Amino acid sequence: MESTEGHAGRRRAAVLGSPIAHSLSPVLHRAAYAALGLNGWRYDRFEVDGAALPAFLGRLDPARWAGLSLTMPLKRAVIPLLDEITDTARSVEAVNTVVLGADGRRRGDNTDIPGMLAALRERGVTSVPSAAVLGAGATASSALAALARICTGRVTAYVRGPERAAEMRQWGQRLGVAVRTADWADAAGALGEPLVVATTPAGAADHLAGAVPAHPGTLFDVLYDPWPTPLAAAWADRGGAVVGGLDLLVHQAVLQVEQHTGRAPAPLAAMRAAGEAALVAH
């Protein structure tokens, strides 16, 4: 492991977003700091919207701050305020991780995509012949970016309305994924795919629980509270593999901790245990 001396004085990080009170990021990052013996490090949460973001960033002292985690609605709003972004972040026009250099430079990254891949890999999913995505939006585009690396065939996106369908096809073209779109009313047809990624808000896919096939493949449901969702519970009852939102949250946070602190590997098990305990207490 790298010594903490290189980060002397730069021991602050935080998650920004609006709303932010629900975020589990402080629990995960603080657990990592404790496990790594980084007793002088602090990780906080701040309610910040797009309008307030430039001023907030301008107030950060690069001699003290190491990095930020970003949630909605800041993942795209932050891009013009950065000095550089990684190819991964650029591919989906979304930044969830900012690394603050001691020289004041700001670098943006996206750990959601590699976090998705790591969560799937943990369950033994490294390649699939086809897949389905439930929903559209920022998380769905990240899912397509992840699927571009492991899906050898077509991805079917089940969405509401022609505008979202067009957006998903455009993302597919941009990311190099063969995307077919289908109407949300036919979403039960997704459940026979070897991998289903559910990116919809809480409750939106609950009605699909009764349509889970007898021998399902793998479900990646990005929700984590409440957990399990009715769809995830039905999927597990029928013997299918389930990857949950906490898995994604922990894996993307692992990568953030490593980038912010310079310490690797981050303590995945300790972070997951802290997240699970927080959800039970909640």
Protein backbone atom coordinates (compact mmCIF):
# COMPACT_ATOMS: atom_id res chain seq x y z
CA MET A 1 0.00 0.00 0.00
CA GLU A 2 1.08 3.54 -0.69
CA SER A 3 2.03 5.65 2.30
CA THR A 4 -0.37 8.38 3.42
CA GLU A 5 2.52 10.82 3.60
CA GLY A 6 1.89 11.85 0.00
CA HIS A 7 -1.54 13.08 1.06
CA ALA A 8 -0.44 14.88 4.24
CA GLY A 9 -2.88 17.70 4.91
CA ARG A 10 -5.19 16.67 2.03
CA ARG A 11 -7.62 14.67 4.10
CA ARG A 12 -11.09 15.88 3.15
CA ALA A 13 -13.64 14.46 0.74
CA ALA A 14 -17.41 14.65 0.43
CA VAL A 15 -20.47 13.71 -1.60
CA LEU A 16 -22.48 16.47 -3.26
CA GLY A 17 -25.98 16.38 -4.69
CA SER A 18 -29.59 17.39 -4.22
CA PRO A 19 -31.29 15.71 -2.45
CA ILE A 20 -28.37 14.25 -0.51
CA ALA A 21 -29.62 13.27 2.96
CA HIS A 22 -30.28 9.68 1.84
CA SER A 23 -26.76 9.08 0.52
CA LEU A 24 -24.87 6.06 1.86
CA SER A 25 -21.56 7.38 0.56
CA PRO A 26 -20.44 8.81 3.94
CA VAL A 27 -21.01 5.41 5.57
CA LEU A 28 -18.98 3.60 2.92
CA HIS A 29 -16.09 6.05 2.71
CA ARG A 30 -15.78 6.45 6.48
CA ALA A 31 -15.68 2.68 6.86
CA ALA A 32 -12.88 2.58 4.31
CA TYR A 33 -10.90 5.26 6.13
CA ALA A 34 -11.26 3.36 9.41
CA ALA A 35 -10.16 0.05 7.88
CA LEU A 36 -7.19 1.72 6.19
CA GLY A 37 -6.13 3.49 9.37
CA LEU A 38 -6.69 6.94 7.84
CA ASN A 39 -7.77 8.42 11.15
CA GLY A 40 -7.26 12.01 10.09
CA TRP A 41 -9.54 11.78 7.07
CA ARG A 42 -13.06 13.27 6.93
CA TYR A 43 -15.89 12.51 4.54
CA ASP A 44 -19.03 14.68 4.61
CA ARG A 45 -22.18 15.31 2.60
CA PHE A 46 -23.34 18.65 1.24
CA GLU A 47 -26.64 19.68 -0.33
CA VAL A 48 -25.51 21.31 -3.57
CA ASP A 49 -27.49 21.84 -6.78
CA GLY A 50 -26.23 22.81 -10.20
CA ALA A 51 -26.53 26.55 -9.57
CA ALA A 52 -24.47 26.38 -6.38
CA LEU A 53 -21.81 24.01 -7.71
CA PRO A 54 -19.36 26.54 -9.23
CA ALA A 55 -19.15 28.56 -6.01
CA PHE A 56 -18.78 25.43 -3.89
CA LEU A 57 -15.89 24.16 -5.99
CA GLY A 58 -14.29 27.59 -5.93
CA ARG A 59 -14.20 27.56 -2.13
CA LEU A 60 -12.30 24.26 -1.84
CA ASP A 61 -8.71 24.53 -0.66
CA PRO A 62 -6.62 22.11 -2.79
CA ALA A 63 -4.15 21.86 0.08
CA ARG A 64 -6.87 20.21 2.20
CA TRP A 65 -9.33 18.58 -0.21
CA ALA A 66 -8.57 15.34 -2.04
CA GLY A 67 -11.79 14.67 -3.92
CA LEU A 68 -15.55 14.58 -4.31
CA SER A 69 -18.31 12.11 -5.09
CA LEU A 70 -21.20 13.45 -7.15
CA THR A 71 -24.78 12.33 -7.47
CA MET A 72 -27.73 13.85 -9.30
CA PRO A 73 -28.15 16.51 -10.57
CA LEU A 74 -24.44 17.24 -10.76
CA LYS A 75 -22.97 14.45 -12.91
CA ARG A 76 -23.22 16.48 -16.11
CA ALA A 77 -23.32 19.96 -14.60
CA VAL A 78 -19.79 19.54 -13.28
CA ILE A 79 -18.15 18.78 -16.62
CA PRO A 80 -17.58 22.41 -17.76
CA LEU A 81 -15.96 23.12 -14.37
CA LEU A 82 -13.26 20.45 -14.73
CA ASP A 83 -9.77 20.66 -16.22
CA GLU A 84 -9.95 17.13 -17.64
CA ILE A 85 -12.19 14.08 -17.68
CA THR A 86 -11.42 10.45 -18.38
CA ASP A 87 -12.52 8.67 -21.53
CA THR A 88 -14.93 6.58 -19.44
CA ALA A 89 -16.68 9.69 -18.12
CA ARG A 90 -16.69 11.30 -21.55
CA SER A 91 -18.31 8.24 -23.12
CA VAL A 92 -21.53 8.80 -21.13
CA GLU A 93 -21.16 12.53 -20.45
CA ALA A 94 -21.37 11.85 -16.71
CA VAL A 95 -18.87 12.39 -13.90
CA ASN A 96 -19.46 10.91 -10.45
CA THR A 97 -15.89 11.28 -9.14
CA VAL A 98 -13.70 14.36 -8.93
CA VAL A 99 -10.05 14.12 -7.95
CA LEU A 100 -8.61 17.42 -6.75
CA GLY A 101 -4.93 17.87 -7.44
CA ALA A 102 -2.64 19.65 -5.00
CA ASP A 103 -2.03 22.12 -7.84
CA GLY A 104 -5.75 22.94 -7.97
CA ARG A 105 -6.52 20.96 -11.13
CA ARG A 106 -9.79 19.05 -11.20
CA ARG A 107 -10.06 15.66 -12.93
CA GLY A 108 -13.40 13.96 -13.48
CA ASP A 109 -14.02 10.23 -13.75
CA ASN A 110 -16.95 7.84 -13.85
CA THR A 111 -16.67 4.86 -11.49
CA ASP A 112 -20.27 3.73 -12.06
CA ILE A 113 -19.32 1.88 -15.25
CA PRO A 114 -16.34 -0.09 -13.89
CA GLY A 115 -18.34 -0.49 -10.67
CA MET A 116 -21.12 -2.22 -12.60
CA LEU A 117 -18.61 -4.49 -14.30
CA ALA A 118 -16.94 -5.35 -10.99
CA ALA A 119 -20.28 -6.14 -9.34
CA LEU A 120 -21.22 -8.46 -12.20
CA ARG A 121 -17.78 -10.06 -12.24
CA GLU A 122 -18.14 -10.80 -8.52
CA ARG A 123 -21.21 -12.88 -9.42
CA GLY A 124 -19.33 -14.65 -12.21
CA VAL A 125 -20.86 -12.65 -15.08
CA THR A 126 -18.09 -11.69 -17.48
CA SER A 127 -19.78 -12.24 -20.85
CA VAL A 128 -23.37 -12.60 -22.08
CA PRO A 129 -24.76 -13.24 -25.58
CA SER A 130 -27.58 -10.70 -25.15
CA ALA A 131 -29.14 -8.50 -22.48
CA ALA A 132 -32.05 -6.23 -21.63
CA VAL A 133 -32.18 -2.82 -19.96
CA LEU A 134 -35.30 -1.65 -18.16
CA GLY A 135 -35.62 2.12 -18.32
CA ALA A 136 -33.74 5.04 -19.81
CA GLY A 137 -31.75 7.95 -18.42
CA ALA A 138 -28.28 8.40 -16.92
CA THR A 139 -28.09 5.02 -15.20
CA ALA A 140 -29.32 3.26 -18.32
CA SER A 141 -26.60 4.91 -20.42
CA SER A 142 -24.00 3.75 -17.88
CA ALA A 143 -25.48 0.26 -18.13
CA LEU A 144 -25.09 0.36 -21.91
CA ALA A 145 -21.46 1.44 -21.50
CA ALA A 146 -20.84 -1.53 -19.22
CA LEU A 147 -22.69 -3.90 -21.56
CA ALA A 148 -20.53 -2.68 -24.44
CA ARG A 149 -17.66 -4.52 -22.75
CA ILE A 150 -19.37 -7.82 -21.90
CA CYS A 151 -22.36 -8.31 -24.23
CA THR A 152 -21.50 -9.98 -27.51
CA GLY A 153 -24.94 -9.55 -29.06
CA ARG A 154 -27.95 -7.26 -28.98
CA VAL A 155 -29.27 -5.25 -26.05
CA THR A 156 -33.01 -4.55 -25.88
CA ALA A 157 -34.05 -1.42 -24.00
CA TYR A 158 -37.61 -1.25 -22.67
CA VAL A 159 -38.66 2.38 -22.36
CA ARG A 160 -41.65 4.71 -22.24
CA GLY A 161 -42.20 6.82 -25.33
CA PRO A 162 -40.46 7.42 -28.65
CA GLU A 163 -38.14 10.16 -27.35
CA ARG A 164 -36.51 7.89 -24.78
CA ALA A 165 -36.34 5.12 -27.35
CA ALA A 166 -34.47 7.40 -29.72
CA GLU A 167 -32.11 8.47 -26.94
CA MET A 168 -31.24 4.88 -26.08
CA ARG A 169 -30.59 4.02 -29.72
CA GLN A 170 -28.32 7.07 -29.97
CA TRP A 171 -26.43 5.98 -26.86
CA GLY A 172 -26.06 2.54 -28.37
CA GLN A 173 -24.55 3.99 -31.54
CA ARG A 174 -22.20 6.16 -29.54
CA LEU A 175 -21.08 3.33 -27.25
CA GLY A 176 -20.85 0.65 -29.91
CA VAL A 177 -23.78 -1.44 -28.69
CA ALA A 178 -26.48 -2.88 -30.93
CA VAL A 179 -29.59 -1.50 -29.20
CA ARG A 180 -33.15 -2.46 -30.06
CA THR A 181 -35.92 -0.58 -28.27
CA ALA A 182 -39.26 -1.94 -27.13
CA ASP A 183 -42.27 -0.43 -25.42
CA TRP A 184 -42.42 -0.48 -21.63
CA ALA A 185 -45.79 -2.23 -21.85
CA ASP A 186 -43.90 -5.27 -23.14
CA ALA A 187 -41.23 -5.22 -20.41
CA ALA A 188 -42.10 -8.72 -19.22
CA GLY A 189 -40.42 -9.89 -22.43
CA ALA A 190 -37.08 -8.73 -21.02
CA LEU A 191 -37.04 -11.28 -18.24
CA GLY A 192 -36.00 -14.19 -20.42
CA GLU A 193 -32.66 -12.58 -21.28
CA PRO A 194 -29.49 -13.99 -19.67
CA LEU A 195 -28.83 -10.58 -18.11
CA VAL A 196 -31.45 -7.98 -17.17
CA VAL A 197 -30.39 -4.56 -15.86
CA ALA A 198 -33.21 -2.71 -14.11
CA THR A 199 -32.52 1.04 -13.91
CA THR A 200 -36.06 2.22 -13.13
CA PRO A 201 -37.15 4.19 -10.02
CA ALA A 202 -38.55 2.44 -6.96
CA GLY A 203 -41.86 0.75 -7.70
CA ALA A 204 -41.73 1.08 -11.48
CA ALA A 205 -40.81 -2.56 -12.12
CA ASP A 206 -42.71 -4.16 -9.22
CA HIS A 207 -45.45 -5.43 -11.52
CA LEU A 208 -42.90 -7.62 -13.31
CA ALA A 209 -42.34 -9.84 -10.27
CA GLY A 210 -45.10 -12.18 -11.33
CA ALA A 211 -43.59 -12.61 -14.80
CA VAL A 212 -40.16 -13.95 -13.73
CA PRO A 213 -39.51 -17.17 -15.68
CA ALA A 214 -38.96 -20.56 -14.05
CA HIS A 215 -35.22 -20.51 -14.71
CA PRO A 216 -34.05 -16.88 -14.81
CA GLY A 217 -30.55 -15.71 -15.61
CA THR A 218 -28.98 -12.74 -13.81
CA LEU A 219 -30.82 -9.63 -12.62
CA PHE A 220 -28.91 -6.43 -11.87
CA ASP A 221 -31.37 -4.18 -10.01
CA VAL A 222 -29.70 -0.82 -9.27
CA LEU A 223 -32.04 -0.02 -6.34
CA TYR A 224 -30.91 -0.65 -2.77
CA ASP A 225 -33.55 0.90 -0.52
CA PRO A 226 -35.96 -0.70 0.06
CA TRP A 227 -34.30 -4.05 -0.60
CA PRO A 228 -35.04 -6.53 -1.94
CA THR A 229 -37.40 -5.09 -4.51
CA PRO A 230 -40.37 -7.32 -5.38
CA LEU A 231 -38.68 -8.13 -8.70
CA ALA A 232 -35.37 -9.05 -7.02
CA ALA A 233 -37.16 -11.17 -4.41
CA ALA A 234 -39.13 -13.08 -7.04
CA TRP A 235 -35.98 -13.53 -9.10
CA ALA A 236 -34.06 -15.02 -6.17
CA ASP A 237 -37.01 -17.26 -5.25
CA ARG A 238 -36.77 -18.84 -8.69
CA GLY A 239 -33.07 -19.47 -8.34
CA GLY A 240 -31.75 -16.60 -10.43
CA ALA A 241 -28.60 -14.64 -9.58
CA VAL A 242 -29.26 -11.15 -8.25
CA VAL A 243 -26.88 -8.19 -8.17
CA GLY A 244 -28.21 -5.26 -6.17
CA GLY A 245 -27.80 -1.53 -5.94
CA LEU A 246 -25.63 -1.83 -2.83
CA ASP A 247 -23.21 -4.00 -4.82
CA LEU A 248 -22.93 -1.22 -7.38
CA LEU A 249 -22.65 1.50 -4.74
CA VAL A 250 -19.86 -0.33 -2.91
CA HIS A 251 -17.85 -1.19 -6.01
CA GLN A 252 -17.97 2.34 -7.42
CA ALA A 253 -17.08 3.73 -3.97
CA VAL A 254 -14.08 1.39 -3.75
CA LEU A 255 -12.69 3.02 -6.87
CA GLN A 256 -13.40 6.49 -5.50
CA VAL A 257 -11.59 5.77 -2.24
CA GLU A 258 -8.57 4.51 -4.15
CA GLN A 259 -8.46 7.63 -6.31
CA HIS A 260 -9.03 10.06 -3.43
CA THR A 261 -6.60 8.52 -0.94
CA GLY A 262 -3.98 6.89 -3.15
CA ARG A 263 -4.45 3.67 -1.15
CA ALA A 264 -5.27 0.42 -2.93
CA PRO A 265 -6.94 -1.93 -2.66
CA ALA A 266 -9.78 -0.28 -0.78
CA PRO A 267 -11.46 -2.52 1.84
CA LEU A 268 -14.45 -3.86 -0.11
CA ALA A 269 -15.69 -6.21 2.63
CA ALA A 270 -15.62 -3.55 5.36
CA MET A 271 -17.42 -1.07 3.13
CA ARG A 272 -20.12 -3.56 2.19
CA ALA A 273 -20.65 -4.57 5.82
CA ALA A 274 -21.05 -0.92 6.82
CA GLY A 275 -23.54 -0.32 4.02
CA GLU A 276 -25.58 -3.39 4.95
CA ALA A 277 -25.65 -2.35 8.61
CA ALA A 278 -26.79 1.16 7.71
CA LEU A 279 -29.64 -0.16 5.58
CA VAL A 280 -30.79 -2.49 8.37
CA ALA A 281 -30.71 0.37 10.87
CA HIS A 282 -32.63 2.55 8.44
